[in-house]
Amino acid sequence: MKNLKKQRRIQIVALAAVILTLSTALIGYAMRDGINFFRAPSQIVAEPPGPTEVFRIGGLVAEGTLIRGQGEAIRFEVTDGGANVPVVFTGVLPDLFGENEGMVGTGRYINGVFEATEILAKHDETYMPSEVVDALKAQGVYKDPNG
């Protein structure tokens, strides 16, 4: 009788492990396109990603680079103080978007130009994503707005 209970417990634990492994694999497979890694311009210039890889870029909009084209087309450069990456975006920019302001964009890096599908700007006068702050600090160009 004891042997049967022990065997049943082992079967249940093994089945639970298989189910847990399978569910983790399915969750990872479902999220494969939803996981976007943040990169600073210096990282993109040093190791350019493939043209099919969707990722996020963040930094400051370089001064004097914001060009509004025909219709909704916008060109600008994102910098972290160490490198600049040209960005092309078609759409409506957030109200707080501007030169020397923090931004994060989602898109692809194709032929040396980041083609953004989404642009986010900081949502108040002092907020900047922590990833952008860390990248700017690493380049020595971050200025703390609080002093």
N, C-alpha and C. Protein backbone atom coordinates (compact mmCIF):
# COMPACT_ATOMS: atom_id res chain seq x y z
N MET A 1 0.82 -1.20 0.00
CA MET A 1 0.00 0.00 0.00
C MET A 1 0.86 1.26 0.00
N LYS A 2 1.95 1.28 0.84
CA LYS A 2 2.82 2.44 0.90
C LYS A 2 3.51 2.65 -0.44
N ASN A 3 3.89 1.57 -1.07
CA ASN A 3 4.59 1.65 -2.35
C ASN A 3 3.70 2.28 -3.42
N LEU A 4 2.40 1.95 -3.39
CA LEU A 4 1.45 2.49 -4.35
C LEU A 4 1.27 4.00 -4.16
N LYS A 5 1.19 4.46 -2.90
CA LYS A 5 1.05 5.88 -2.61
C LYS A 5 2.30 6.65 -3.07
N LYS A 6 3.46 6.08 -2.82
CA LYS A 6 4.71 6.72 -3.21
C LYS A 6 4.79 6.82 -4.74
N GLN A 7 4.40 5.78 -5.42
CA GLN A 7 4.42 5.77 -6.89
C GLN A 7 3.43 6.81 -7.43
N ARG A 8 2.27 6.93 -6.83
CA ARG A 8 1.26 7.89 -7.26
C ARG A 8 1.77 9.32 -7.08
N ARG A 9 2.43 9.60 -5.94
CA ARG A 9 3.01 10.93 -5.69
C ARG A 9 4.05 11.28 -6.75
N ILE A 10 4.90 10.34 -7.07
CA ILE A 10 5.94 10.56 -8.09
C ILE A 10 5.29 10.87 -9.44
N GLN A 11 4.24 10.15 -9.79
CA GLN A 11 3.54 10.40 -11.04
C GLN A 11 2.93 11.80 -11.07
N ILE A 12 2.33 12.22 -9.98
CA ILE A 12 1.71 13.55 -9.91
C ILE A 12 2.77 14.64 -10.02
N VAL A 13 3.88 14.51 -9.33
CA VAL A 13 4.96 15.49 -9.39
C VAL A 13 5.54 15.56 -10.81
N ALA A 14 5.74 14.41 -11.44
CA ALA A 14 6.27 14.37 -12.81
C ALA A 14 5.29 15.03 -13.78
N LEU A 15 4.01 14.74 -13.64
CA LEU A 15 2.99 15.34 -14.50
C LEU A 15 2.94 16.86 -14.29
N ALA A 16 3.01 17.30 -13.05
CA ALA A 16 3.00 18.74 -12.76
C ALA A 16 4.22 19.42 -13.38
N ALA A 17 5.38 18.79 -13.33
CA ALA A 17 6.59 19.35 -13.92
C ALA A 17 6.46 19.48 -15.44
N VAL A 18 5.88 18.46 -16.07
CA VAL A 18 5.66 18.50 -17.53
C VAL A 18 4.68 19.61 -17.89
N ILE A 19 3.60 19.73 -17.15
CA ILE A 19 2.60 20.77 -17.41
C ILE A 19 3.21 22.16 -17.21
N LEU A 20 3.99 22.34 -16.16
CA LEU A 20 4.63 23.63 -15.89
C LEU A 20 5.62 24.00 -17.00
N THR A 21 6.40 23.04 -17.45
CA THR A 21 7.34 23.28 -18.54
C THR A 21 6.61 23.63 -19.83
N LEU A 22 5.57 22.91 -20.14
CA LEU A 22 4.79 23.17 -21.35
C LEU A 22 4.12 24.54 -21.30
N SER A 23 3.53 24.89 -20.18
CA SER A 23 2.87 26.20 -20.07
C SER A 23 3.87 27.34 -20.15
N THR A 24 5.06 27.18 -19.57
CA THR A 24 6.10 28.20 -19.67
C THR A 24 6.54 28.38 -21.12
N ALA A 25 6.70 27.28 -21.83
CA ALA A 25 7.09 27.34 -23.24
C ALA A 25 6.00 28.03 -24.07
N LEU A 26 4.74 27.73 -23.82
CA LEU A 26 3.65 28.37 -24.55
C LEU A 26 3.57 29.86 -24.27
N ILE A 27 3.77 30.27 -23.04
CA ILE A 27 3.76 31.68 -22.68
C ILE A 27 4.91 32.41 -23.38
N GLY A 28 6.08 31.81 -23.35
CA GLY A 28 7.23 32.41 -24.03
C GLY A 28 7.01 32.53 -25.52
N TYR A 29 6.41 31.52 -26.13
CA TYR A 29 6.12 31.55 -27.56
C TYR A 29 5.09 32.64 -27.89
N ALA A 30 4.09 32.79 -27.05
CA ALA A 30 3.05 33.80 -27.29
C ALA A 30 3.59 35.22 -27.13
N MET A 31 4.58 35.39 -26.28
CA MET A 31 5.11 36.74 -26.00
C MET A 31 6.33 37.09 -26.86
N ARG A 32 6.74 36.24 -27.77
CA ARG A 32 7.98 36.46 -28.50
C ARG A 32 7.99 37.78 -29.26
N ASP A 33 6.85 38.23 -29.79
CA ASP A 33 6.79 39.50 -30.51
C ASP A 33 6.51 40.67 -29.58
N GLY A 34 6.06 40.41 -28.38
CA GLY A 34 5.71 41.48 -27.46
C GLY A 34 6.86 41.94 -26.58
N ILE A 35 7.98 41.25 -26.65
CA ILE A 35 9.12 41.62 -25.82
C ILE A 35 10.04 42.52 -26.64
N ASN A 36 10.11 43.79 -26.27
CA ASN A 36 10.95 44.75 -26.97
C ASN A 36 12.04 45.22 -26.02
N PHE A 37 13.28 45.02 -26.41
CA PHE A 37 14.38 45.42 -25.57
C PHE A 37 14.79 46.85 -25.87
N PHE A 38 15.14 47.60 -24.83
CA PHE A 38 15.56 48.98 -24.96
C PHE A 38 17.04 49.04 -25.33
N ARG A 39 17.38 49.93 -26.25
CA ARG A 39 18.78 50.14 -26.62
C ARG A 39 19.06 51.63 -26.72
N ALA A 40 20.27 52.01 -26.32
CA ALA A 40 20.74 53.38 -26.47
C ALA A 40 21.38 53.52 -27.85
N PRO A 41 21.44 54.73 -28.39
CA PRO A 41 22.06 54.93 -29.70
C PRO A 41 23.48 54.37 -29.80
N SER A 42 24.29 54.49 -28.75
CA SER A 42 25.65 53.95 -28.77
C SER A 42 25.65 52.43 -28.97
N GLN A 43 24.70 51.75 -28.34
CA GLN A 43 24.60 50.30 -28.50
C GLN A 43 24.18 49.92 -29.92
N ILE A 44 23.30 50.70 -30.51
CA ILE A 44 22.82 50.42 -31.86
C ILE A 44 23.94 50.62 -32.88
N VAL A 45 24.72 51.69 -32.72
CA VAL A 45 25.82 51.96 -33.65
C VAL A 45 26.90 50.89 -33.50
N ALA A 46 27.18 50.47 -32.26
CA ALA A 46 28.22 49.46 -32.01
C ALA A 46 27.82 48.09 -32.54
N GLU A 47 26.57 47.69 -32.31
CA GLU A 47 26.07 46.39 -32.75
C GLU A 47 24.70 46.56 -33.39
N PRO A 48 24.67 46.90 -34.69
CA PRO A 48 23.38 47.12 -35.35
C PRO A 48 22.52 45.86 -35.36
N PRO A 49 21.24 45.98 -34.95
CA PRO A 49 20.34 44.83 -34.98
C PRO A 49 19.91 44.53 -36.41
N GLY A 50 19.35 43.36 -36.61
CA GLY A 50 18.85 42.97 -37.93
C GLY A 50 17.62 43.78 -38.31
N PRO A 51 17.33 43.89 -39.60
CA PRO A 51 16.21 44.71 -40.05
C PRO A 51 14.83 44.17 -39.66
N THR A 52 14.75 42.93 -39.24
CA THR A 52 13.45 42.38 -38.85
C THR A 52 13.22 42.44 -37.33
N GLU A 53 14.23 42.83 -36.57
CA GLU A 53 14.11 42.86 -35.11
C GLU A 53 13.42 44.13 -34.65
N VAL A 54 12.34 43.98 -33.89
CA VAL A 54 11.62 45.11 -33.32
C VAL A 54 12.19 45.36 -31.93
N PHE A 55 12.58 46.61 -31.65
CA PHE A 55 13.13 46.96 -30.35
C PHE A 55 12.82 48.41 -30.03
N ARG A 56 13.20 48.84 -28.84
CA ARG A 56 12.98 50.23 -28.42
C ARG A 56 14.31 50.96 -28.38
N ILE A 57 14.29 52.21 -28.82
CA ILE A 57 15.45 53.08 -28.73
C ILE A 57 15.07 54.23 -27.81
N GLY A 58 16.03 54.70 -27.04
CA GLY A 58 15.74 55.81 -26.15
C GLY A 58 16.92 56.73 -26.01
N GLY A 59 16.64 57.98 -25.76
CA GLY A 59 17.67 58.99 -25.56
C GLY A 59 17.05 60.36 -25.65
N LEU A 60 17.87 61.34 -26.01
CA LEU A 60 17.40 62.71 -26.18
C LEU A 60 17.27 63.01 -27.67
N VAL A 61 16.28 63.82 -28.02
CA VAL A 61 16.15 64.28 -29.39
C VAL A 61 17.26 65.32 -29.60
N ALA A 62 18.18 65.04 -30.53
CA ALA A 62 19.33 65.91 -30.75
C ALA A 62 18.87 67.29 -31.24
N GLU A 63 19.49 68.32 -30.70
CA GLU A 63 19.14 69.69 -31.04
C GLU A 63 19.44 69.98 -32.51
N GLY A 64 18.50 70.66 -33.17
CA GLY A 64 18.67 71.05 -34.56
C GLY A 64 18.42 69.95 -35.58
N THR A 65 17.89 68.81 -35.14
CA THR A 65 17.70 67.69 -36.08
C THR A 65 16.24 67.42 -36.41
N LEU A 66 15.32 68.08 -35.73
CA LEU A 66 13.88 67.82 -35.93
C LEU A 66 13.42 68.48 -37.22
N ILE A 67 13.02 67.65 -38.20
CA ILE A 67 12.58 68.14 -39.51
C ILE A 67 11.21 67.55 -39.79
N ARG A 68 10.25 68.42 -40.00
CA ARG A 68 8.91 67.97 -40.35
C ARG A 68 8.79 67.99 -41.87
N GLY A 69 8.43 66.84 -42.44
CA GLY A 69 8.35 66.71 -43.89
C GLY A 69 6.94 66.91 -44.40
N GLN A 70 6.69 66.38 -45.58
CA GLN A 70 5.37 66.45 -46.18
C GLN A 70 4.39 65.61 -45.37
N GLY A 71 3.23 66.14 -45.11
CA GLY A 71 2.21 65.40 -44.37
C GLY A 71 2.64 65.15 -42.93
N GLU A 72 2.61 63.89 -42.53
CA GLU A 72 2.93 63.53 -41.15
C GLU A 72 4.34 63.00 -40.98
N ALA A 73 5.17 63.02 -42.02
CA ALA A 73 6.53 62.47 -41.95
C ALA A 73 7.43 63.38 -41.12
N ILE A 74 8.15 62.78 -40.18
CA ILE A 74 9.05 63.52 -39.29
C ILE A 74 10.39 62.82 -39.26
N ARG A 75 11.48 63.59 -39.32
CA ARG A 75 12.83 63.06 -39.21
C ARG A 75 13.53 63.79 -38.06
N PHE A 76 14.31 63.05 -37.31
CA PHE A 76 15.12 63.62 -36.24
C PHE A 76 16.19 62.62 -35.87
N GLU A 77 17.08 63.01 -34.98
CA GLU A 77 18.11 62.10 -34.49
C GLU A 77 17.98 61.95 -32.99
N VAL A 78 18.25 60.74 -32.52
CA VAL A 78 18.25 60.45 -31.09
C VAL A 78 19.70 60.28 -30.67
N THR A 79 20.05 60.89 -29.54
CA THR A 79 21.43 60.81 -29.06
C THR A 79 21.48 60.41 -27.60
N ASP A 80 22.58 59.81 -27.22
CA ASP A 80 22.86 59.55 -25.81
C ASP A 80 24.17 60.23 -25.43
N GLY A 81 24.64 61.12 -26.30
CA GLY A 81 25.89 61.83 -26.05
C GLY A 81 27.08 61.13 -26.67
N GLY A 82 26.96 59.85 -26.96
CA GLY A 82 28.05 59.10 -27.54
C GLY A 82 27.84 58.81 -29.02
N ALA A 83 26.59 58.73 -29.44
CA ALA A 83 26.27 58.46 -30.84
C ALA A 83 24.88 59.01 -31.15
N ASN A 84 24.67 59.28 -32.43
CA ASN A 84 23.36 59.72 -32.91
C ASN A 84 22.81 58.67 -33.86
N VAL A 85 21.50 58.44 -33.79
CA VAL A 85 20.83 57.52 -34.70
C VAL A 85 19.70 58.28 -35.37
N PRO A 86 19.69 58.33 -36.73
CA PRO A 86 18.58 58.98 -37.42
C PRO A 86 17.29 58.19 -37.26
N VAL A 87 16.18 58.92 -37.09
CA VAL A 87 14.88 58.31 -36.89
C VAL A 87 13.89 58.89 -37.90
N VAL A 88 13.06 58.03 -38.45
CA VAL A 88 11.97 58.44 -39.33
C VAL A 88 10.68 57.95 -38.69
N PHE A 89 9.70 58.85 -38.64
CA PHE A 89 8.41 58.50 -38.03
C PHE A 89 7.30 59.14 -38.84
N THR A 90 6.26 58.39 -39.10
CA THR A 90 5.08 58.93 -39.77
C THR A 90 3.91 58.79 -38.82
N GLY A 91 3.38 59.93 -38.44
CA GLY A 91 2.28 59.91 -37.49
C GLY A 91 2.25 61.20 -36.69
N VAL A 92 1.48 61.17 -35.64
CA VAL A 92 1.33 62.34 -34.79
C VAL A 92 2.23 62.17 -33.57
N LEU A 93 3.08 63.17 -33.32
CA LEU A 93 3.99 63.11 -32.17
C LEU A 93 3.26 63.52 -30.89
N PRO A 94 3.72 63.02 -29.75
CA PRO A 94 3.13 63.45 -28.47
C PRO A 94 3.33 64.96 -28.27
N ASP A 95 2.46 65.57 -27.50
CA ASP A 95 2.54 67.02 -27.26
C ASP A 95 3.85 67.45 -26.63
N LEU A 96 4.41 66.65 -25.75
CA LEU A 96 5.63 67.04 -25.05
C LEU A 96 6.91 66.67 -25.80
N PHE A 97 6.79 66.20 -27.04
CA PHE A 97 7.95 65.83 -27.84
C PHE A 97 8.64 67.09 -28.34
N GLY A 98 9.97 67.13 -28.22
CA GLY A 98 10.73 68.28 -28.71
C GLY A 98 12.22 68.04 -28.61
N GLU A 99 13.00 68.97 -29.15
CA GLU A 99 14.45 68.85 -29.12
C GLU A 99 14.96 68.94 -27.68
N ASN A 100 16.02 68.21 -27.41
CA ASN A 100 16.64 68.12 -26.07
C ASN A 100 15.69 67.54 -25.03
N GLU A 101 14.69 66.80 -25.46
CA GLU A 101 13.74 66.14 -24.57
C GLU A 101 13.92 64.63 -24.68
N GLY A 102 13.64 63.92 -23.60
CA GLY A 102 13.74 62.47 -23.60
C GLY A 102 12.63 61.83 -24.42
N MET A 103 12.96 60.74 -25.08
CA MET A 103 11.98 60.01 -25.87
C MET A 103 12.34 58.54 -25.92
N VAL A 104 11.33 57.72 -26.19
CA VAL A 104 11.52 56.29 -26.44
C VAL A 104 10.69 55.96 -27.67
N GLY A 105 11.30 55.26 -28.62
CA GLY A 105 10.59 54.88 -29.84
C GLY A 105 10.66 53.38 -30.04
N THR A 106 9.62 52.83 -30.65
CA THR A 106 9.57 51.41 -30.99
C THR A 106 9.61 51.28 -32.50
N GLY A 107 10.42 50.36 -33.00
CA GLY A 107 10.49 50.17 -34.45
C GLY A 107 11.63 49.26 -34.84
N ARG A 108 12.12 49.47 -36.09
CA ARG A 108 13.19 48.63 -36.66
C ARG A 108 14.31 49.52 -37.18
N TYR A 109 15.52 48.99 -37.17
CA TYR A 109 16.70 49.68 -37.67
C TYR A 109 17.00 49.12 -39.06
N ILE A 110 16.70 49.91 -40.08
CA ILE A 110 16.84 49.45 -41.46
C ILE A 110 17.74 50.41 -42.23
N ASN A 111 18.83 49.88 -42.80
CA ASN A 111 19.77 50.66 -43.61
C ASN A 111 20.27 51.91 -42.88
N GLY A 112 20.60 51.77 -41.61
CA GLY A 112 21.17 52.87 -40.85
C GLY A 112 20.18 53.89 -40.34
N VAL A 113 18.88 53.62 -40.50
CA VAL A 113 17.84 54.55 -40.04
C VAL A 113 16.84 53.76 -39.19
N PHE A 114 16.50 54.32 -38.03
CA PHE A 114 15.49 53.70 -37.18
C PHE A 114 14.12 54.12 -37.69
N GLU A 115 13.33 53.18 -38.15
CA GLU A 115 11.99 53.45 -38.66
C GLU A 115 11.00 53.17 -37.53
N ALA A 116 10.53 54.25 -36.89
CA ALA A 116 9.69 54.14 -35.71
C ALA A 116 8.23 53.92 -36.07
N THR A 117 7.59 53.06 -35.33
CA THR A 117 6.15 52.85 -35.46
C THR A 117 5.40 53.51 -34.32
N GLU A 118 6.14 53.82 -33.24
CA GLU A 118 5.54 54.48 -32.07
C GLU A 118 6.60 55.34 -31.40
N ILE A 119 6.20 56.55 -31.01
CA ILE A 119 7.09 57.47 -30.30
C ILE A 119 6.42 57.87 -28.99
N LEU A 120 7.17 57.75 -27.90
CA LEU A 120 6.68 58.17 -26.59
C LEU A 120 7.58 59.27 -26.09
N ALA A 121 7.00 60.27 -25.46
CA ALA A 121 7.77 61.35 -24.86
C ALA A 121 7.52 61.33 -23.36
N LYS A 122 8.41 61.96 -22.63
CA LYS A 122 8.20 62.00 -21.18
C LYS A 122 6.87 62.66 -20.88
N HIS A 123 6.20 62.22 -19.83
CA HIS A 123 4.84 62.67 -19.59
C HIS A 123 4.72 63.86 -18.67
N ASP A 124 5.81 64.33 -18.10
CA ASP A 124 5.77 65.59 -17.35
C ASP A 124 7.15 66.23 -17.45
N GLU A 125 7.36 67.29 -16.73
CA GLU A 125 8.60 68.05 -16.88
C GLU A 125 9.83 67.33 -16.32
N THR A 126 9.65 66.36 -15.43
CA THR A 126 10.82 65.74 -14.82
C THR A 126 10.97 64.26 -15.13
N TYR A 127 9.96 63.61 -15.66
CA TYR A 127 10.02 62.17 -15.86
C TYR A 127 10.86 61.81 -17.09
N MET A 128 11.68 60.78 -16.94
CA MET A 128 12.38 60.16 -18.06
C MET A 128 12.52 58.69 -17.70
N PRO A 129 12.28 57.77 -18.66
CA PRO A 129 12.42 56.35 -18.34
C PRO A 129 13.78 56.05 -17.74
N SER A 130 13.82 55.17 -16.75
CA SER A 130 15.07 54.88 -16.04
C SER A 130 16.13 54.31 -16.98
N GLU A 131 15.69 53.59 -18.00
CA GLU A 131 16.66 53.05 -18.97
C GLU A 131 17.36 54.17 -19.72
N VAL A 132 16.60 55.22 -20.08
CA VAL A 132 17.18 56.36 -20.79
C VAL A 132 18.13 57.11 -19.86
N VAL A 133 17.72 57.32 -18.61
CA VAL A 133 18.59 58.00 -17.64
C VAL A 133 19.90 57.25 -17.46
N ASP A 134 19.83 55.92 -17.33
CA ASP A 134 21.05 55.12 -17.16
C ASP A 134 21.97 55.24 -18.36
N ALA A 135 21.39 55.21 -19.57
CA ALA A 135 22.21 55.33 -20.79
C ALA A 135 22.85 56.71 -20.88
N LEU A 136 22.10 57.75 -20.53
CA LEU A 136 22.65 59.11 -20.57
C LEU A 136 23.72 59.31 -19.50
N LYS A 137 23.51 58.74 -18.32
CA LYS A 137 24.53 58.82 -17.27
C LYS A 137 25.81 58.12 -17.70
N ALA A 138 25.68 56.98 -18.37
CA ALA A 138 26.85 56.23 -18.83
C ALA A 138 27.67 57.05 -19.83
N GLN A 139 26.99 57.91 -20.59
CA GLN A 139 27.69 58.76 -21.55
C GLN A 139 28.13 60.08 -20.93
N GLY A 140 27.68 60.36 -19.70
CA GLY A 140 28.08 61.59 -19.00
C GLY A 140 27.34 62.82 -19.45
N VAL A 141 26.14 62.66 -20.04
CA VAL A 141 25.40 63.83 -20.52
C VAL A 141 24.09 64.07 -19.78
N TYR A 142 23.78 63.27 -18.77
CA TYR A 142 22.53 63.44 -18.05
C TYR A 142 22.62 64.58 -17.07
N LYS A 143 21.60 65.45 -17.12
CA LYS A 143 21.51 66.55 -16.16
C LYS A 143 20.26 66.33 -15.34
N ASP A 144 20.43 66.17 -14.02
CA ASP A 144 19.30 65.92 -13.13
C ASP A 144 18.44 67.18 -13.04
N PRO A 145 17.14 67.10 -13.42
CA PRO A 145 16.29 68.28 -13.37
C PRO A 145 15.99 68.76 -11.95
N ASN A 146 16.25 67.92 -10.97
CA ASN A 146 15.99 68.30 -9.57
C ASN A 146 17.21 68.93 -8.90
N GLY A 147 18.26 69.13 -9.66
CA GLY A 147 19.42 69.80 -9.07
C GLY A 147 20.61 68.99 -8.98
